[in-house]
Amino acid sequence: TYMVKDINPGLGDNSNSIFMSAQYFAEMNDVLYFAADGGGNNIELWRSDGTEAGTYLVKDLALGGSSVPEFITAIENNIYFRCKNDDGESELWKSDGTEAGTILLKQMWVTATEYQNMFIAYDGFIYFRGGVGDPYDQELWRTDGTPAGTELFMNINEDDGDGSDPKQFFILNDKLFFVADNGDDDFIFISDGTVAGTQKLLDENGDDVITGNYAFLPSENKIYFSATNADFDDGLW
């Protein structure tokens, strides 16, 4: 066990302990991507192949400040992450690990309650929770990896300033599953990648399956979870 590189030489640390958590790290193609302070409180996106020479800054995303890349997620040959610009505004970026291939997708709010699956790939798009304008109005967005192709997919909760906060994304039997609040409660939604094909998951009687705290246990082709329905049938579903 040894130091790979002193990123911030001198008495200062390269970053404080908050940047040692999983949302600030991702591995892609045998390279580790992470947030670190290279000096002067300048927390930016770094990469390392495990050698000193191969540990270096990818790109300074907020000149004169700290972009603090977080929710770093590797999907195929790119990483997706949220960071801040010079004015402290939230932005969505993607990177192939090179400076030239690190591009801004959209200035927008991107948040997560469960980092582990903040971004998920499904049918040619990356789905995530985000919004523009009001930081509390978070809805289901998707991107094809281009600025023009980063757009709102579905406004599930149409109440102004009160988003559906989609979360806990996963794929099951070639469908996208996630939890969202439509304004009444948290429900499991299922999608085939079209707005018309994005609906609440119902029980065998066509009733809502409701819970405010889903905990999923996946198996090979099923999921198990705790929930209730209109008849208050609490239990394992």
C-alpha atoms as a PDB file:
ATOM      1  CA  THR A   1       0.000   0.000   0.000  1.00  0.00           C
ATOM      2  CA  TYR A   2       1.667   3.214  -1.150  1.00  0.00           C
ATOM      3  CA  MET A   3       0.977   6.728  -2.386  1.00  0.00           C
ATOM      4  CA  VAL A   4       0.362   6.804  -6.133  1.00  0.00           C
ATOM      5  CA  LYS A   5       0.856  10.556  -6.468  1.00  0.00           C
ATOM      6  CA  ASP A   6       0.964  13.638  -4.262  1.00  0.00           C
ATOM      7  CA  ILE A   7      -1.713  15.552  -6.151  1.00  0.00           C
ATOM      8  CA  ASN A   8      -1.499  18.625  -3.928  1.00  0.00           C
ATOM      9  CA  PRO A   9       2.180  18.927  -2.891  1.00  0.00           C
ATOM     10  CA  GLY A  10       2.985  20.621   0.373  1.00  0.00           C
ATOM     11  CA  LEU A  11       1.222  20.568   3.714  1.00  0.00           C
ATOM     12  CA  GLY A  12      -2.283  20.529   2.246  1.00  0.00           C
ATOM     13  CA  ASP A  13      -4.282  17.428   1.392  1.00  0.00           C
ATOM     14  CA  ASN A  14      -5.504  16.691  -2.102  1.00  0.00           C
ATOM     15  CA  SER A  15      -9.097  16.689  -0.803  1.00  0.00           C
ATOM     16  CA  ASN A  16     -10.996  16.257   2.426  1.00  0.00           C
ATOM     17  CA  SER A  17     -12.710  13.049   3.483  1.00  0.00           C
ATOM     18  CA  ILE A  18     -16.022  13.805   1.751  1.00  0.00           C
ATOM     19  CA  PHE A  19     -14.383  13.122  -1.609  1.00  0.00           C
ATOM     20  CA  MET A  20     -13.442   9.600  -0.551  1.00  0.00           C
ATOM     21  CA  SER A  21     -17.065   8.421  -0.940  1.00  0.00           C
ATOM     22  CA  ALA A  22     -18.302   6.388  -3.908  1.00  0.00           C
ATOM     23  CA  GLN A  23     -20.107   9.184  -5.738  1.00  0.00           C
ATOM     24  CA  TYR A  24     -16.767  10.879  -6.474  1.00  0.00           C
ATOM     25  CA  PHE A  25     -15.133   7.788  -8.029  1.00  0.00           C
ATOM     26  CA  ALA A  26     -15.745   5.632 -11.102  1.00  0.00           C
ATOM     27  CA  GLU A  27     -13.698   3.051 -13.018  1.00  0.00           C
ATOM     28  CA  MET A  28     -13.753   2.881 -16.814  1.00  0.00           C
ATOM     29  CA  ASN A  29     -11.482   0.806 -19.044  1.00  0.00           C
ATOM     30  CA  ASP A  30      -8.969   0.165 -16.229  1.00  0.00           C
ATOM     31  CA  VAL A  31      -8.701   3.870 -15.409  1.00  0.00           C
ATOM     32  CA  LEU A  32      -9.984   5.461 -12.193  1.00  0.00           C
ATOM     33  CA  TYR A  33     -11.803   8.811 -12.488  1.00  0.00           C
ATOM     34  CA  PHE A  34     -12.223  10.906  -9.384  1.00  0.00           C
ATOM     35  CA  ALA A  35     -12.589  14.389  -7.873  1.00  0.00           C
ATOM     36  CA  ALA A  36      -9.470  15.859  -6.277  1.00  0.00           C
ATOM     37  CA  ASP A  37      -7.990  19.195  -5.251  1.00  0.00           C
ATOM     38  CA  GLY A  38      -4.811  19.843  -7.178  1.00  0.00           C
ATOM     39  CA  GLY A  39      -4.030  22.923  -5.072  1.00  0.00           C
ATOM     40  CA  GLY A  40      -5.663  26.252  -4.287  1.00  0.00           C
ATOM     41  CA  ASN A  41      -9.065  24.719  -3.492  1.00  0.00           C
ATOM     42  CA  ASN A  42      -9.480  23.678  -7.105  1.00  0.00           C
ATOM     43  CA  ILE A  43     -11.460  20.427  -7.017  1.00  0.00           C
ATOM     44  CA  GLU A  44     -11.661  19.057 -10.547  1.00  0.00           C
ATOM     45  CA  LEU A  45     -11.847  15.809 -12.555  1.00  0.00           C
ATOM     46  CA  TRP A  46      -8.726  13.623 -12.401  1.00  0.00           C
ATOM     47  CA  ARG A  47      -7.797  10.227 -13.779  1.00  0.00           C
ATOM     48  CA  SER A  48      -5.286   7.546 -12.795  1.00  0.00           C
ATOM     49  CA  ASP A  49      -4.057   4.287 -14.298  1.00  0.00           C
ATOM     50  CA  GLY A  50      -2.371   3.443 -10.999  1.00  0.00           C
ATOM     51  CA  THR A  51       0.956   5.026 -11.859  1.00  0.00           C
ATOM     52  CA  GLU A  52       2.315   8.449 -10.917  1.00  0.00           C
ATOM     53  CA  ALA A  53       2.828   9.476 -14.542  1.00  0.00           C
ATOM     54  CA  GLY A  54      -0.644   8.241 -15.442  1.00  0.00           C
ATOM     55  CA  THR A  55      -2.352  10.303 -12.722  1.00  0.00           C
ATOM     56  CA  TYR A  56      -3.306  13.737 -14.019  1.00  0.00           C
ATOM     57  CA  LEU A  57      -6.040  16.355 -14.399  1.00  0.00           C
ATOM     58  CA  VAL A  58      -8.528  15.571 -17.173  1.00  0.00           C
ATOM     59  CA  LYS A  59      -9.925  19.077 -17.515  1.00  0.00           C
ATOM     60  CA  ASP A  60     -10.388  22.222 -15.434  1.00  0.00           C
ATOM     61  CA  LEU A  61     -14.168  22.587 -15.665  1.00  0.00           C
ATOM     62  CA  ALA A  62     -14.537  25.744 -13.564  1.00  0.00           C
ATOM     63  CA  LEU A  63     -11.637  28.117 -14.217  1.00  0.00           C
ATOM     64  CA  GLY A  64     -10.889  30.087 -11.101  1.00  0.00           C
ATOM     65  CA  GLY A  65     -13.051  27.863  -8.901  1.00  0.00           C
ATOM     66  CA  SER A  66     -13.952  24.270  -8.085  1.00  0.00           C
ATOM     67  CA  SER A  67     -16.300  22.281 -10.295  1.00  0.00           C
ATOM     68  CA  VAL A  68     -16.501  19.414  -7.727  1.00  0.00           C
ATOM     69  CA  PRO A  69     -17.455  16.560 -10.118  1.00  0.00           C
ATOM     70  CA  GLU A  70     -19.876  14.155  -8.456  1.00  0.00           C
ATOM     71  CA  PHE A  71     -22.270  11.296  -9.257  1.00  0.00           C
ATOM     72  CA  ILE A  72     -19.490  10.054 -11.553  1.00  0.00           C
ATOM     73  CA  THR A  73     -20.867   7.061 -13.451  1.00  0.00           C
ATOM     74  CA  ALA A  74     -19.180   4.975 -16.148  1.00  0.00           C
ATOM     75  CA  ILE A  75     -21.452   3.841 -18.974  1.00  0.00           C
ATOM     76  CA  GLU A  76     -19.891   2.104 -21.962  1.00  0.00           C
ATOM     77  CA  ASN A  77     -16.912   4.304 -22.968  1.00  0.00           C
ATOM     78  CA  ASN A  78     -17.897   7.534 -21.240  1.00  0.00           C
ATOM     79  CA  ILE A  79     -18.385   8.832 -17.749  1.00  0.00           C
ATOM     80  CA  TYR A  80     -21.349  11.049 -16.873  1.00  0.00           C
ATOM     81  CA  PHE A  81     -21.302  13.435 -13.940  1.00  0.00           C
ATOM     82  CA  ARG A  82     -22.673  16.615 -12.399  1.00  0.00           C
ATOM     83  CA  CYS A  83     -20.422  19.575 -11.598  1.00  0.00           C
ATOM     84  CA  LYS A  84     -20.543  23.339 -11.091  1.00  0.00           C
ATOM     85  CA  ASN A  85     -19.440  26.112 -13.430  1.00  0.00           C
ATOM     86  CA  ASP A  86     -17.599  29.339 -12.540  1.00  0.00           C
ATOM     87  CA  ASP A  87     -20.833  30.841 -11.189  1.00  0.00           C
ATOM     88  CA  GLY A  88     -21.671  27.807  -9.032  1.00  0.00           C
ATOM     89  CA  GLU A  89     -24.482  26.664 -11.362  1.00  0.00           C
ATOM     90  CA  SER A  90     -25.146  22.948 -11.820  1.00  0.00           C
ATOM     91  CA  GLU A  91     -24.180  21.344 -15.139  1.00  0.00           C
ATOM     92  CA  LEU A  92     -24.293  17.898 -16.753  1.00  0.00           C
ATOM     93  CA  TRP A  93     -21.075  16.717 -18.413  1.00  0.00           C
ATOM     94  CA  LYS A  94     -19.716  13.626 -20.100  1.00  0.00           C
ATOM     95  CA  SER A  95     -16.126  12.569 -20.754  1.00  0.00           C
ATOM     96  CA  ASP A  96     -14.256   9.881 -22.663  1.00  0.00           C
ATOM     97  CA  GLY A  97     -11.230  10.519 -20.428  1.00  0.00           C
ATOM     98  CA  THR A  98      -9.577  13.103 -22.669  1.00  0.00           C
ATOM     99  CA  GLU A  99      -9.670  16.882 -22.384  1.00  0.00           C
ATOM    100  CA  ALA A 100     -11.094  17.265 -25.889  1.00  0.00           C
ATOM    101  CA  GLY A 101     -13.675  14.553 -25.235  1.00  0.00           C
ATOM    102  CA  THR A 102     -14.956  16.173 -22.038  1.00  0.00           C
ATOM    103  CA  ILE A 103     -18.024  18.152 -23.071  1.00  0.00           C
ATOM    104  CA  LEU A 104     -20.884  20.063 -21.490  1.00  0.00           C
ATOM    105  CA  LEU A 105     -24.253  18.478 -22.236  1.00  0.00           C
ATOM    106  CA  LYS A 106     -26.525  20.996 -20.516  1.00  0.00           C
ATOM    107  CA  GLN A 107     -26.620  23.582 -17.754  1.00  0.00           C
ATOM    108  CA  MET A 108     -29.209  22.024 -15.453  1.00  0.00           C
ATOM    109  CA  TRP A 109     -29.845  20.662 -11.991  1.00  0.00           C
ATOM    110  CA  VAL A 110     -28.889  17.028 -11.513  1.00  0.00           C
ATOM    111  CA  THR A 111     -29.395  15.425  -8.105  1.00  0.00           C
ATOM    112  CA  ALA A 112     -29.641  11.974  -6.582  1.00  0.00           C
ATOM    113  CA  THR A 113     -31.007  10.365  -3.435  1.00  0.00           C
ATOM    114  CA  GLU A 114     -29.432   7.010  -4.293  1.00  0.00           C
ATOM    115  CA  TYR A 115     -26.151   7.592  -6.085  1.00  0.00           C
ATOM    116  CA  GLN A 116     -25.581   3.955  -7.022  1.00  0.00           C
ATOM    117  CA  ASN A 117     -27.775   4.170 -10.121  1.00  0.00           C
ATOM    118  CA  MET A 118     -27.923   7.894 -10.773  1.00  0.00           C
ATOM    119  CA  PHE A 119     -27.526   7.337 -14.536  1.00  0.00           C
ATOM    120  CA  ILE A 120     -28.727   4.268 -16.418  1.00  0.00           C
ATOM    121  CA  ALA A 121     -28.411   3.236 -20.060  1.00  0.00           C
ATOM    122  CA  TYR A 122     -31.535   1.978 -21.792  1.00  0.00           C
ATOM    123  CA  ASP A 123     -32.313   1.580 -25.488  1.00  0.00           C
ATOM    124  CA  GLY A 124     -29.738   4.065 -26.787  1.00  0.00           C
ATOM    125  CA  PHE A 125     -30.230   6.749 -24.132  1.00  0.00           C
ATOM    126  CA  ILE A 126     -28.929   7.593 -20.667  1.00  0.00           C
ATOM    127  CA  TYR A 127     -31.809   8.270 -18.249  1.00  0.00           C
ATOM    128  CA  PHE A 128     -31.412  10.385 -15.117  1.00  0.00           C
ATOM    129  CA  ARG A 129     -33.157  12.739 -12.703  1.00  0.00           C
ATOM    130  CA  GLY A 130     -32.785  16.426 -13.479  1.00  0.00           C
ATOM    131  CA  GLY A 131     -34.386  19.750 -14.247  1.00  0.00           C
ATOM    132  CA  VAL A 132     -33.835  23.331 -15.321  1.00  0.00           C
ATOM    133  CA  GLY A 133     -34.823  26.509 -13.511  1.00  0.00           C
ATOM    134  CA  ASP A 134     -36.330  25.321 -10.242  1.00  0.00           C
ATOM    135  CA  PRO A 135     -33.908  22.959  -8.439  1.00  0.00           C
ATOM    136  CA  TYR A 136     -36.847  21.296  -6.672  1.00  0.00           C
ATOM    137  CA  ASP A 137     -38.659  20.421  -9.911  1.00  0.00           C
ATOM    138  CA  GLN A 138     -36.763  17.238 -10.806  1.00  0.00           C
ATOM    139  CA  GLU A 139     -38.210  15.055 -13.554  1.00  0.00           C
ATOM    140  CA  LEU A 140     -37.201  12.200 -15.859  1.00  0.00           C
ATOM    141  CA  TRP A 141     -34.612  13.305 -18.413  1.00  0.00           C
ATOM    142  CA  ARG A 142     -32.526  11.449 -20.938  1.00  0.00           C
ATOM    143  CA  THR A 143     -29.569  12.108 -23.221  1.00  0.00           C
ATOM    144  CA  ASP A 144     -28.110  10.495 -26.318  1.00  0.00           C
ATOM    145  CA  GLY A 145     -24.707  11.896 -25.332  1.00  0.00           C
ATOM    146  CA  THR A 146     -25.056  15.152 -27.265  1.00  0.00           C
ATOM    147  CA  PRO A 147     -26.099  18.627 -26.057  1.00  0.00           C
ATOM    148  CA  ALA A 148     -28.976  18.721 -28.559  1.00  0.00           C
ATOM    149  CA  GLY A 149     -30.110  15.250 -27.515  1.00  0.00           C
ATOM    150  CA  THR A 150     -30.304  16.065 -23.789  1.00  0.00           C
ATOM    151  CA  GLU A 151     -33.969  16.706 -23.075  1.00  0.00           C
ATOM    152  CA  LEU A 152     -36.928  16.181 -20.764  1.00  0.00           C
ATOM    153  CA  PHE A 153     -38.389  12.742 -21.409  1.00  0.00           C
ATOM    154  CA  MET A 154     -41.521  12.883 -19.258  1.00  0.00           C
ATOM    155  CA  ASN A 155     -43.075  15.310 -16.783  1.00  0.00           C
ATOM    156  CA  ILE A 156     -44.627  12.830 -14.327  1.00  0.00           C
ATOM    157  CA  ASN A 157     -45.638  15.331 -11.637  1.00  0.00           C
ATOM    158  CA  GLU A 158     -47.110  18.371 -13.365  1.00  0.00           C
ATOM    159  CA  ASP A 159     -47.454  20.450 -10.174  1.00  0.00           C
ATOM    160  CA  ASP A 160     -45.327  23.594 -10.513  1.00  0.00           C
ATOM    161  CA  GLY A 161     -42.118  23.445  -8.505  1.00  0.00           C
ATOM    162  CA  ASP A 162     -42.790  19.922  -7.263  1.00  0.00           C
ATOM    163  CA  GLY A 163     -41.031  17.265  -9.332  1.00  0.00           C
ATOM    164  CA  SER A 164     -41.567  13.524  -9.410  1.00  0.00           C
ATOM    165  CA  ASP A 165     -37.952  12.930  -8.256  1.00  0.00           C
ATOM    166  CA  PRO A 166     -37.379   9.698 -10.241  1.00  0.00           C
ATOM    167  CA  LYS A 167     -34.874   7.337  -8.619  1.00  0.00           C
ATOM    168  CA  GLN A 168     -33.791   3.711  -8.188  1.00  0.00           C
ATOM    169  CA  PHE A 169     -33.457   2.981 -11.910  1.00  0.00           C
ATOM    170  CA  PHE A 170     -32.969  -0.588 -13.061  1.00  0.00           C
ATOM    171  CA  ILE A 171     -33.611  -2.780 -16.095  1.00  0.00           C
ATOM    172  CA  LEU A 172     -35.825  -5.854 -15.875  1.00  0.00           C
ATOM    173  CA  ASN A 173     -36.961  -8.029 -18.793  1.00  0.00           C
ATOM    174  CA  ASP A 174     -35.965  -5.352 -21.345  1.00  0.00           C
ATOM    175  CA  LYS A 175     -37.957  -2.606 -19.609  1.00  0.00           C
ATOM    176  CA  LEU A 176     -36.824   0.420 -17.637  1.00  0.00           C
ATOM    177  CA  PHE A 177     -38.108   0.487 -14.051  1.00  0.00           C
ATOM    178  CA  PHE A 178     -37.901   3.393 -11.619  1.00  0.00           C
ATOM    179  CA  VAL A 179     -39.700   4.953  -8.652  1.00  0.00           C
ATOM    180  CA  ALA A 180     -41.356   8.367  -8.985  1.00  0.00           C
ATOM    181  CA  ASP A 181     -43.932  10.537  -7.206  1.00  0.00           C
ATOM    182  CA  ASN A 182     -46.774  11.569  -9.510  1.00  0.00           C
ATOM    183  CA  GLY A 183     -48.126  14.025  -6.936  1.00  0.00           C
ATOM    184  CA  ASP A 184     -50.159  11.442  -5.013  1.00  0.00           C
ATOM    185  CA  ASP A 185     -47.479   9.030  -3.765  1.00  0.00           C
ATOM    186  CA  ASP A 186     -44.391   7.069  -4.773  1.00  0.00           C
ATOM    187  CA  PHE A 187     -45.091   4.400  -7.383  1.00  0.00           C
ATOM    188  CA  ILE A 188     -43.067   1.988  -9.475  1.00  0.00           C
ATOM    189  CA  PHE A 189     -43.092   3.040 -13.116  1.00  0.00           C
ATOM    190  CA  ILE A 190     -42.223   0.892 -16.104  1.00  0.00           C
ATOM    191  CA  SER A 191     -41.160   2.225 -19.517  1.00  0.00           C
ATOM    192  CA  ASP A 192     -40.437   0.885 -22.996  1.00  0.00           C
ATOM    193  CA  GLY A 193     -38.628   4.110 -23.930  1.00  0.00           C
ATOM    194  CA  THR A 194     -41.725   5.938 -25.162  1.00  0.00           C
ATOM    195  CA  VAL A 195     -43.894   8.410 -23.280  1.00  0.00           C
ATOM    196  CA  ALA A 196     -47.021   6.429 -24.128  1.00  0.00           C
ATOM    197  CA  GLY A 197     -45.346   3.271 -22.902  1.00  0.00           C
ATOM    198  CA  THR A 198     -44.353   4.756 -19.523  1.00  0.00           C
ATOM    199  CA  GLN A 199     -46.956   3.809 -16.934  1.00  0.00           C
ATOM    200  CA  LYS A 200     -47.411   2.945 -13.276  1.00  0.00           C
ATOM    201  CA  LEU A 201     -46.934  -0.698 -12.384  1.00  0.00           C
ATOM    202  CA  LEU A 202     -50.294  -2.109 -11.245  1.00  0.00           C
ATOM    203  CA  ASP A 203     -51.195  -5.256  -9.313  1.00  0.00           C
ATOM    204  CA  GLU A 204     -53.128  -8.223 -10.723  1.00  0.00           C
ATOM    205  CA  ASN A 205     -56.416  -6.362 -10.103  1.00  0.00           C
ATOM    206  CA  GLY A 206     -55.309  -3.215 -11.900  1.00  0.00           C
ATOM    207  CA  ASP A 207     -54.803  -1.325  -8.628  1.00  0.00           C
ATOM    208  CA  ASP A 208     -51.899   0.873  -7.598  1.00  0.00           C
ATOM    209  CA  VAL A 209     -48.939  -0.626  -5.765  1.00  0.00           C
ATOM    210  CA  ILE A 210     -47.924   1.988  -3.198  1.00  0.00           C
ATOM    211  CA  THR A 211     -45.041   2.554  -0.835  1.00  0.00           C
ATOM    212  CA  GLY A 212     -42.868   5.456   0.171  1.00  0.00           C
ATOM    213  CA  ASN A 213     -39.743   3.373   0.711  1.00  0.00           C
ATOM    214  CA  TYR A 214     -39.012   0.773  -1.938  1.00  0.00           C
ATOM    215  CA  ALA A 215     -36.222  -1.702  -1.264  1.00  0.00           C
ATOM    216  CA  PHE A 216     -35.651  -3.974  -4.242  1.00  0.00           C
ATOM    217  CA  LEU A 217     -34.151  -7.435  -4.184  1.00  0.00           C
ATOM    218  CA  PRO A 218     -33.357  -8.471  -7.776  1.00  0.00           C
ATOM    219  CA  SER A 219     -33.169 -12.050  -8.985  1.00  0.00           C
ATOM    220  CA  GLU A 220     -32.461 -13.404 -12.458  1.00  0.00           C
ATOM    221  CA  ASN A 221     -35.704 -12.202 -14.035  1.00  0.00           C
ATOM    222  CA  LYS A 222     -37.789 -10.908 -11.117  1.00  0.00           C
ATOM    223  CA  ILE A 223     -37.654  -8.331  -8.350  1.00  0.00           C
ATOM    224  CA  TYR A 224     -38.964  -8.633  -4.818  1.00  0.00           C
ATOM    225  CA  PHE A 225     -40.030  -5.614  -2.787  1.00  0.00           C
ATOM    226  CA  SER A 226     -42.068  -4.456   0.197  1.00  0.00           C
ATOM    227  CA  ALA A 227     -45.263  -2.595  -0.694  1.00  0.00           C
ATOM    228  CA  THR A 228     -49.002  -2.177  -0.186  1.00  0.00           C
ATOM    229  CA  ASN A 229     -52.020  -1.675  -2.457  1.00  0.00           C
ATOM    230  CA  ALA A 230     -55.494  -0.139  -2.311  1.00  0.00           C
ATOM    231  CA  ASP A 231     -56.629  -2.964   0.007  1.00  0.00           C
ATOM    232  CA  PHE A 232     -53.639  -2.312   2.298  1.00  0.00           C
ATOM    233  CA  ASP A 233     -52.172  -5.718   1.524  1.00  0.00           C
ATOM    234  CA  ASP A 234     -48.788  -5.046   3.122  1.00  0.00           C
ATOM    235  CA  GLY A 235     -46.062  -7.552   2.531  1.00  0.00           C
ATOM    236  CA  LEU A 236     -43.520  -8.983   0.137  1.00  0.00           C
ATOM    237  CA  TRP A 237     -44.409  -8.530  -3.515  1.00  0.00           C
END
